[in-house]
Amino acid sequence: MTVDNSSRILAFLSYILLVVGALFVLLFRRKDEFAAFHARQSLVFVIGALLAPAVWYGIAWLVMWIPGVGGALGLGLFSGVLAAYLALIFGWVRGLIDSLNAQQRAMPLVGDWSRYLPL
């Protein structure tokens, strides 16, 4: 698959500009399959970054009610948020590199979810 420079730049900008860049590509350059793939994947990273602390907060609030260990357990679960952010940062950097190298690889864990975005 040959990818022109404008597609590479749009794919790269969809990662750098996060939501704004991804939505621009998906709204105005939807026919560009390469850029749209990376834009959808970028949106999955943003959604994951927003969901990780929200899920932790919900679980931590529930376990907080366990007498004696609830607070410590909820605080310990925060390491899951840190692990999720490290994985997301790794995937984001790999997406940046792949977009410039004209590669279209799904990221581990979250990359396949981008196929199910209705955009």
N, C-alpha and C. Protein backbone atom coordinates (compact mmCIF):
# COMPACT_ATOMS: atom_id res chain seq x y z
N MET A 1 0.84 -1.18 0.00
CA MET A 1 0.00 0.00 0.00
C MET A 1 0.89 1.24 0.00
N THR A 2 0.69 2.08 -0.97
CA THR A 2 1.45 3.32 -1.01
C THR A 2 0.62 4.43 -0.37
N VAL A 3 1.29 5.19 0.47
CA VAL A 3 0.63 6.27 1.21
C VAL A 3 1.32 7.57 0.84
N ASP A 4 0.54 8.56 0.43
CA ASP A 4 1.14 9.84 0.07
C ASP A 4 1.45 10.66 1.33
N ASN A 5 2.24 11.69 1.15
CA ASN A 5 2.69 12.50 2.29
C ASN A 5 1.54 13.20 3.00
N SER A 6 0.52 13.63 2.28
CA SER A 6 -0.59 14.32 2.94
C SER A 6 -1.33 13.36 3.89
N SER A 7 -1.44 12.10 3.51
CA SER A 7 -2.07 11.12 4.39
C SER A 7 -1.24 10.90 5.64
N ARG A 8 0.08 10.84 5.46
CA ARG A 8 0.97 10.66 6.61
C ARG A 8 0.86 11.84 7.57
N ILE A 9 0.84 13.04 7.01
CA ILE A 9 0.76 14.23 7.86
C ILE A 9 -0.57 14.28 8.59
N LEU A 10 -1.66 13.97 7.90
CA LEU A 10 -2.96 13.96 8.57
C LEU A 10 -3.03 12.91 9.67
N ALA A 11 -2.47 11.74 9.41
CA ALA A 11 -2.45 10.69 10.43
C ALA A 11 -1.63 11.13 11.63
N PHE A 12 -0.49 11.74 11.37
CA PHE A 12 0.36 12.24 12.45
C PHE A 12 -0.36 13.32 13.25
N LEU A 13 -1.02 14.24 12.55
CA LEU A 13 -1.74 15.31 13.25
C LEU A 13 -2.92 14.80 14.07
N SER A 14 -3.50 13.68 13.65
CA SER A 14 -4.61 13.12 14.43
C SER A 14 -4.12 12.65 15.79
N TYR A 15 -2.85 12.27 15.91
CA TYR A 15 -2.28 11.91 17.21
C TYR A 15 -1.84 13.15 17.99
N ILE A 16 -1.19 14.08 17.30
CA ILE A 16 -0.65 15.26 17.99
C ILE A 16 -1.77 16.17 18.50
N LEU A 17 -2.78 16.38 17.67
CA LEU A 17 -3.86 17.29 18.05
C LEU A 17 -5.02 16.58 18.76
N LEU A 18 -4.83 15.32 19.07
CA LEU A 18 -5.79 14.50 19.81
C LEU A 18 -7.19 14.60 19.21
N VAL A 19 -8.16 15.04 19.97
CA VAL A 19 -9.55 15.01 19.54
C VAL A 19 -9.78 15.93 18.33
N VAL A 20 -9.22 17.11 18.35
CA VAL A 20 -9.43 18.06 17.26
C VAL A 20 -8.87 17.51 15.94
N GLY A 21 -7.66 16.99 15.98
CA GLY A 21 -7.05 16.45 14.77
C GLY A 21 -7.78 15.22 14.26
N ALA A 22 -8.16 14.34 15.17
CA ALA A 22 -8.86 13.12 14.77
C ALA A 22 -10.23 13.45 14.18
N LEU A 23 -10.95 14.35 14.80
CA LEU A 23 -12.26 14.72 14.28
C LEU A 23 -12.16 15.43 12.94
N PHE A 24 -11.13 16.25 12.77
CA PHE A 24 -10.92 16.91 11.48
C PHE A 24 -10.75 15.87 10.37
N VAL A 25 -9.90 14.88 10.63
CA VAL A 25 -9.67 13.83 9.63
C VAL A 25 -10.95 13.06 9.36
N LEU A 26 -11.67 12.71 10.41
CA LEU A 26 -12.87 11.89 10.23
C LEU A 26 -14.02 12.66 9.59
N LEU A 27 -14.05 13.96 9.77
CA LEU A 27 -15.12 14.75 9.17
C LEU A 27 -14.81 15.18 7.74
N PHE A 28 -13.56 15.54 7.48
CA PHE A 28 -13.23 16.13 6.19
C PHE A 28 -12.39 15.25 5.27
N ARG A 29 -11.75 14.23 5.79
CA ARG A 29 -10.92 13.36 4.97
C ARG A 29 -11.26 11.89 5.22
N ARG A 30 -12.51 11.59 5.39
CA ARG A 30 -12.97 10.25 5.72
C ARG A 30 -12.57 9.22 4.66
N LYS A 31 -12.50 9.62 3.42
CA LYS A 31 -12.18 8.70 2.32
C LYS A 31 -10.72 8.24 2.36
N ASP A 32 -9.87 8.99 3.03
CA ASP A 32 -8.47 8.62 3.17
C ASP A 32 -8.37 7.52 4.23
N GLU A 33 -8.30 6.27 3.79
CA GLU A 33 -8.36 5.13 4.71
C GLU A 33 -7.21 5.13 5.71
N PHE A 34 -6.03 5.49 5.27
CA PHE A 34 -4.86 5.48 6.15
C PHE A 34 -5.02 6.52 7.27
N ALA A 35 -5.35 7.74 6.92
CA ALA A 35 -5.51 8.80 7.92
C ALA A 35 -6.70 8.51 8.82
N ALA A 36 -7.79 7.98 8.27
CA ALA A 36 -8.97 7.68 9.08
C ALA A 36 -8.68 6.56 10.08
N PHE A 37 -7.90 5.56 9.67
CA PHE A 37 -7.52 4.49 10.59
C PHE A 37 -6.79 5.07 11.80
N HIS A 38 -5.79 5.91 11.54
CA HIS A 38 -5.02 6.49 12.64
C HIS A 38 -5.86 7.48 13.46
N ALA A 39 -6.79 8.17 12.84
CA ALA A 39 -7.65 9.10 13.57
C ALA A 39 -8.56 8.32 14.54
N ARG A 40 -9.14 7.21 14.05
CA ARG A 40 -9.97 6.40 14.93
C ARG A 40 -9.16 5.81 16.08
N GLN A 41 -7.97 5.38 15.77
CA GLN A 41 -7.12 4.82 16.81
C GLN A 41 -6.73 5.88 17.83
N SER A 42 -6.48 7.10 17.37
CA SER A 42 -6.17 8.20 18.28
C SER A 42 -7.35 8.49 19.22
N LEU A 43 -8.55 8.44 18.67
CA LEU A 43 -9.73 8.65 19.51
C LEU A 43 -9.89 7.55 20.56
N VAL A 44 -9.53 6.33 20.22
CA VAL A 44 -9.58 5.25 21.21
C VAL A 44 -8.60 5.52 22.34
N PHE A 45 -7.43 6.06 22.03
CA PHE A 45 -6.47 6.40 23.08
C PHE A 45 -7.04 7.48 24.00
N VAL A 46 -7.68 8.46 23.43
CA VAL A 46 -8.26 9.54 24.24
C VAL A 46 -9.38 8.98 25.13
N ILE A 47 -10.23 8.14 24.56
CA ILE A 47 -11.31 7.53 25.34
C ILE A 47 -10.74 6.69 26.46
N GLY A 48 -9.68 5.93 26.16
CA GLY A 48 -9.04 5.12 27.20
C GLY A 48 -8.44 5.97 28.30
N ALA A 49 -7.84 7.09 27.93
CA ALA A 49 -7.26 7.98 28.93
C ALA A 49 -8.32 8.60 29.82
N LEU A 50 -9.52 8.80 29.29
CA LEU A 50 -10.61 9.35 30.09
C LEU A 50 -11.28 8.27 30.93
N LEU A 51 -11.38 7.07 30.40
CA LEU A 51 -12.07 6.00 31.11
C LEU A 51 -11.25 5.39 32.25
N ALA A 52 -9.94 5.34 32.12
CA ALA A 52 -9.11 4.69 33.14
C ALA A 52 -9.33 5.28 34.53
N PRO A 53 -9.22 6.59 34.73
CA PRO A 53 -9.46 7.11 36.08
C PRO A 53 -10.93 7.04 36.49
N ALA A 54 -11.84 7.11 35.53
CA ALA A 54 -13.26 7.04 35.86
C ALA A 54 -13.62 5.65 36.39
N VAL A 55 -13.10 4.62 35.75
CA VAL A 55 -13.35 3.25 36.22
C VAL A 55 -12.70 3.04 37.58
N TRP A 56 -11.48 3.53 37.74
CA TRP A 56 -10.82 3.41 39.04
C TRP A 56 -11.64 4.10 40.13
N TYR A 57 -12.11 5.29 39.84
CA TYR A 57 -12.88 6.04 40.83
C TYR A 57 -14.12 5.27 41.26
N GLY A 58 -14.81 4.68 40.30
CA GLY A 58 -16.01 3.90 40.63
C GLY A 58 -15.68 2.69 41.47
N ILE A 59 -14.65 1.96 41.11
CA ILE A 59 -14.27 0.77 41.88
C ILE A 59 -13.75 1.18 43.25
N ALA A 60 -12.93 2.22 43.31
CA ALA A 60 -12.38 2.68 44.59
C ALA A 60 -13.50 3.15 45.51
N TRP A 61 -14.51 3.78 44.96
CA TRP A 61 -15.63 4.22 45.80
C TRP A 61 -16.36 3.02 46.39
N LEU A 62 -16.50 1.96 45.61
CA LEU A 62 -17.18 0.76 46.11
C LEU A 62 -16.37 0.05 47.20
N VAL A 63 -15.06 -0.11 46.97
CA VAL A 63 -14.26 -0.84 47.96
C VAL A 63 -13.93 0.02 49.18
N MET A 64 -14.13 1.32 49.08
CA MET A 64 -13.88 2.19 50.22
C MET A 64 -14.75 1.81 51.42
N TRP A 65 -15.87 1.22 51.15
CA TRP A 65 -16.80 0.87 52.22
C TRP A 65 -16.41 -0.39 52.96
N ILE A 66 -15.39 -1.09 52.52
CA ILE A 66 -14.91 -2.27 53.24
C ILE A 66 -14.16 -1.79 54.47
N PRO A 67 -14.64 -2.18 55.65
CA PRO A 67 -14.01 -1.68 56.89
C PRO A 67 -12.55 -2.10 57.02
N GLY A 68 -11.73 -1.17 57.40
CA GLY A 68 -10.33 -1.44 57.70
C GLY A 68 -9.39 -1.39 56.51
N VAL A 69 -9.73 -2.02 55.41
CA VAL A 69 -8.80 -2.11 54.28
C VAL A 69 -9.30 -1.40 53.04
N GLY A 70 -10.51 -0.89 53.06
CA GLY A 70 -11.11 -0.30 51.87
C GLY A 70 -10.32 0.86 51.29
N GLY A 71 -9.90 1.78 52.16
CA GLY A 71 -9.15 2.94 51.68
C GLY A 71 -7.82 2.55 51.07
N ALA A 72 -7.10 1.65 51.73
CA ALA A 72 -5.81 1.21 51.22
C ALA A 72 -5.98 0.41 49.93
N LEU A 73 -7.02 -0.39 49.85
CA LEU A 73 -7.27 -1.17 48.65
C LEU A 73 -7.60 -0.26 47.47
N GLY A 74 -8.44 0.74 47.71
CA GLY A 74 -8.78 1.70 46.65
C GLY A 74 -7.56 2.46 46.18
N LEU A 75 -6.70 2.83 47.10
CA LEU A 75 -5.47 3.54 46.74
C LEU A 75 -4.53 2.61 45.97
N GLY A 76 -4.47 1.36 46.37
CA GLY A 76 -3.62 0.39 45.67
C GLY A 76 -4.10 0.14 44.26
N LEU A 77 -5.41 0.21 44.04
CA LEU A 77 -5.95 0.00 42.71
C LEU A 77 -5.56 1.12 41.73
N PHE A 78 -5.09 2.24 42.26
CA PHE A 78 -4.65 3.34 41.41
C PHE A 78 -3.46 2.93 40.54
N SER A 79 -2.73 1.91 40.97
CA SER A 79 -1.62 1.44 40.14
C SER A 79 -2.13 0.93 38.79
N GLY A 80 -3.38 0.48 38.74
CA GLY A 80 -3.98 0.08 37.46
C GLY A 80 -4.13 1.26 36.52
N VAL A 81 -4.46 2.42 37.07
CA VAL A 81 -4.57 3.62 36.25
C VAL A 81 -3.20 4.00 35.70
N LEU A 82 -2.19 3.92 36.55
CA LEU A 82 -0.83 4.24 36.09
C LEU A 82 -0.37 3.26 35.01
N ALA A 83 -0.67 1.99 35.19
CA ALA A 83 -0.32 0.99 34.17
C ALA A 83 -1.06 1.26 32.86
N ALA A 84 -2.32 1.64 32.96
CA ALA A 84 -3.10 1.95 31.75
C ALA A 84 -2.51 3.15 31.04
N TYR A 85 -2.12 4.18 31.78
CA TYR A 85 -1.53 5.36 31.15
C TYR A 85 -0.18 5.03 30.50
N LEU A 86 0.62 4.19 31.13
CA LEU A 86 1.89 3.80 30.50
C LEU A 86 1.64 3.06 29.20
N ALA A 87 0.67 2.16 29.20
CA ALA A 87 0.35 1.42 27.98
C ALA A 87 -0.19 2.36 26.90
N LEU A 88 -1.03 3.32 27.29
CA LEU A 88 -1.58 4.27 26.33
C LEU A 88 -0.50 5.18 25.75
N ILE A 89 0.43 5.60 26.59
CA ILE A 89 1.52 6.44 26.10
C ILE A 89 2.40 5.66 25.13
N PHE A 90 2.70 4.40 25.46
CA PHE A 90 3.47 3.56 24.56
C PHE A 90 2.75 3.42 23.21
N GLY A 91 1.46 3.13 23.25
CA GLY A 91 0.69 2.98 22.02
C GLY A 91 0.60 4.27 21.23
N TRP A 92 0.47 5.39 21.93
CA TRP A 92 0.38 6.69 21.28
C TRP A 92 1.68 7.00 20.53
N VAL A 93 2.82 6.76 21.17
CA VAL A 93 4.11 7.01 20.53
C VAL A 93 4.30 6.07 19.34
N ARG A 94 3.90 4.82 19.53
CA ARG A 94 4.01 3.86 18.42
C ARG A 94 3.10 4.28 17.26
N GLY A 95 1.93 4.81 17.57
CA GLY A 95 1.04 5.30 16.53
C GLY A 95 1.64 6.48 15.77
N LEU A 96 2.29 7.38 16.50
CA LEU A 96 2.98 8.50 15.85
C LEU A 96 4.04 7.99 14.88
N ILE A 97 4.83 7.04 15.33
CA ILE A 97 5.90 6.51 14.49
C ILE A 97 5.31 5.77 13.29
N ASP A 98 4.29 4.95 13.53
CA ASP A 98 3.66 4.21 12.43
C ASP A 98 3.04 5.14 11.40
N SER A 99 2.45 6.24 11.87
CA SER A 99 1.84 7.17 10.92
C SER A 99 2.88 7.81 10.02
N LEU A 100 4.04 8.12 10.54
CA LEU A 100 5.10 8.71 9.72
C LEU A 100 5.77 7.69 8.82
N ASN A 101 5.79 6.42 9.25
CA ASN A 101 6.41 5.36 8.45
C ASN A 101 5.42 4.68 7.51
N ALA A 102 4.22 5.21 7.40
CA ALA A 102 3.18 4.68 6.50
C ALA A 102 2.82 3.24 6.83
N GLN A 103 2.77 2.93 8.11
CA GLN A 103 2.37 1.60 8.55
C GLN A 103 1.00 1.68 9.20
N GLN A 104 0.22 0.66 8.99
CA GLN A 104 -1.14 0.63 9.52
C GLN A 104 -1.28 -0.62 10.38
N ARG A 105 -0.83 -0.51 11.63
CA ARG A 105 -0.90 -1.63 12.58
C ARG A 105 -1.80 -1.25 13.73
N ALA A 106 -2.66 -2.18 14.11
CA ALA A 106 -3.52 -1.96 15.28
C ALA A 106 -2.67 -2.08 16.54
N MET A 107 -2.90 -1.19 17.48
CA MET A 107 -2.17 -1.22 18.72
C MET A 107 -2.65 -2.39 19.59
N PRO A 108 -1.78 -2.94 20.41
CA PRO A 108 -2.20 -4.03 21.30
C PRO A 108 -3.31 -3.56 22.23
N LEU A 109 -4.24 -4.41 22.51
CA LEU A 109 -5.37 -4.20 23.41
C LEU A 109 -6.42 -3.24 22.88
N VAL A 110 -6.06 -2.00 22.59
CA VAL A 110 -7.07 -1.00 22.23
C VAL A 110 -7.21 -0.74 20.74
N GLY A 111 -6.25 -1.15 19.95
CA GLY A 111 -6.27 -0.84 18.52
C GLY A 111 -7.44 -1.45 17.78
N ASP A 112 -7.82 -2.66 18.15
CA ASP A 112 -8.94 -3.32 17.47
C ASP A 112 -10.27 -2.64 17.79
N TRP A 113 -10.35 -1.96 18.90
CA TRP A 113 -11.59 -1.27 19.26
C TRP A 113 -11.90 -0.15 18.30
N SER A 114 -10.90 0.39 17.64
CA SER A 114 -11.13 1.51 16.72
C SER A 114 -12.00 1.12 15.54
N ARG A 115 -12.06 -0.16 15.23
CA ARG A 115 -12.94 -0.60 14.14
C ARG A 115 -14.41 -0.42 14.47
N TYR A 116 -14.73 -0.41 15.75
CA TYR A 116 -16.13 -0.35 16.17
C TYR A 116 -16.62 1.06 16.41
N LEU A 117 -15.76 2.06 16.24
CA LEU A 117 -16.21 3.44 16.38
C LEU A 117 -17.15 3.77 15.21
N PRO A 118 -18.28 4.38 15.48
CA PRO A 118 -19.23 4.66 14.40
C PRO A 118 -18.83 5.81 13.49
N LEU A 119 -17.63 6.31 13.63
CA LEU A 119 -17.19 7.47 12.83
C LEU A 119 -16.55 7.02 11.55
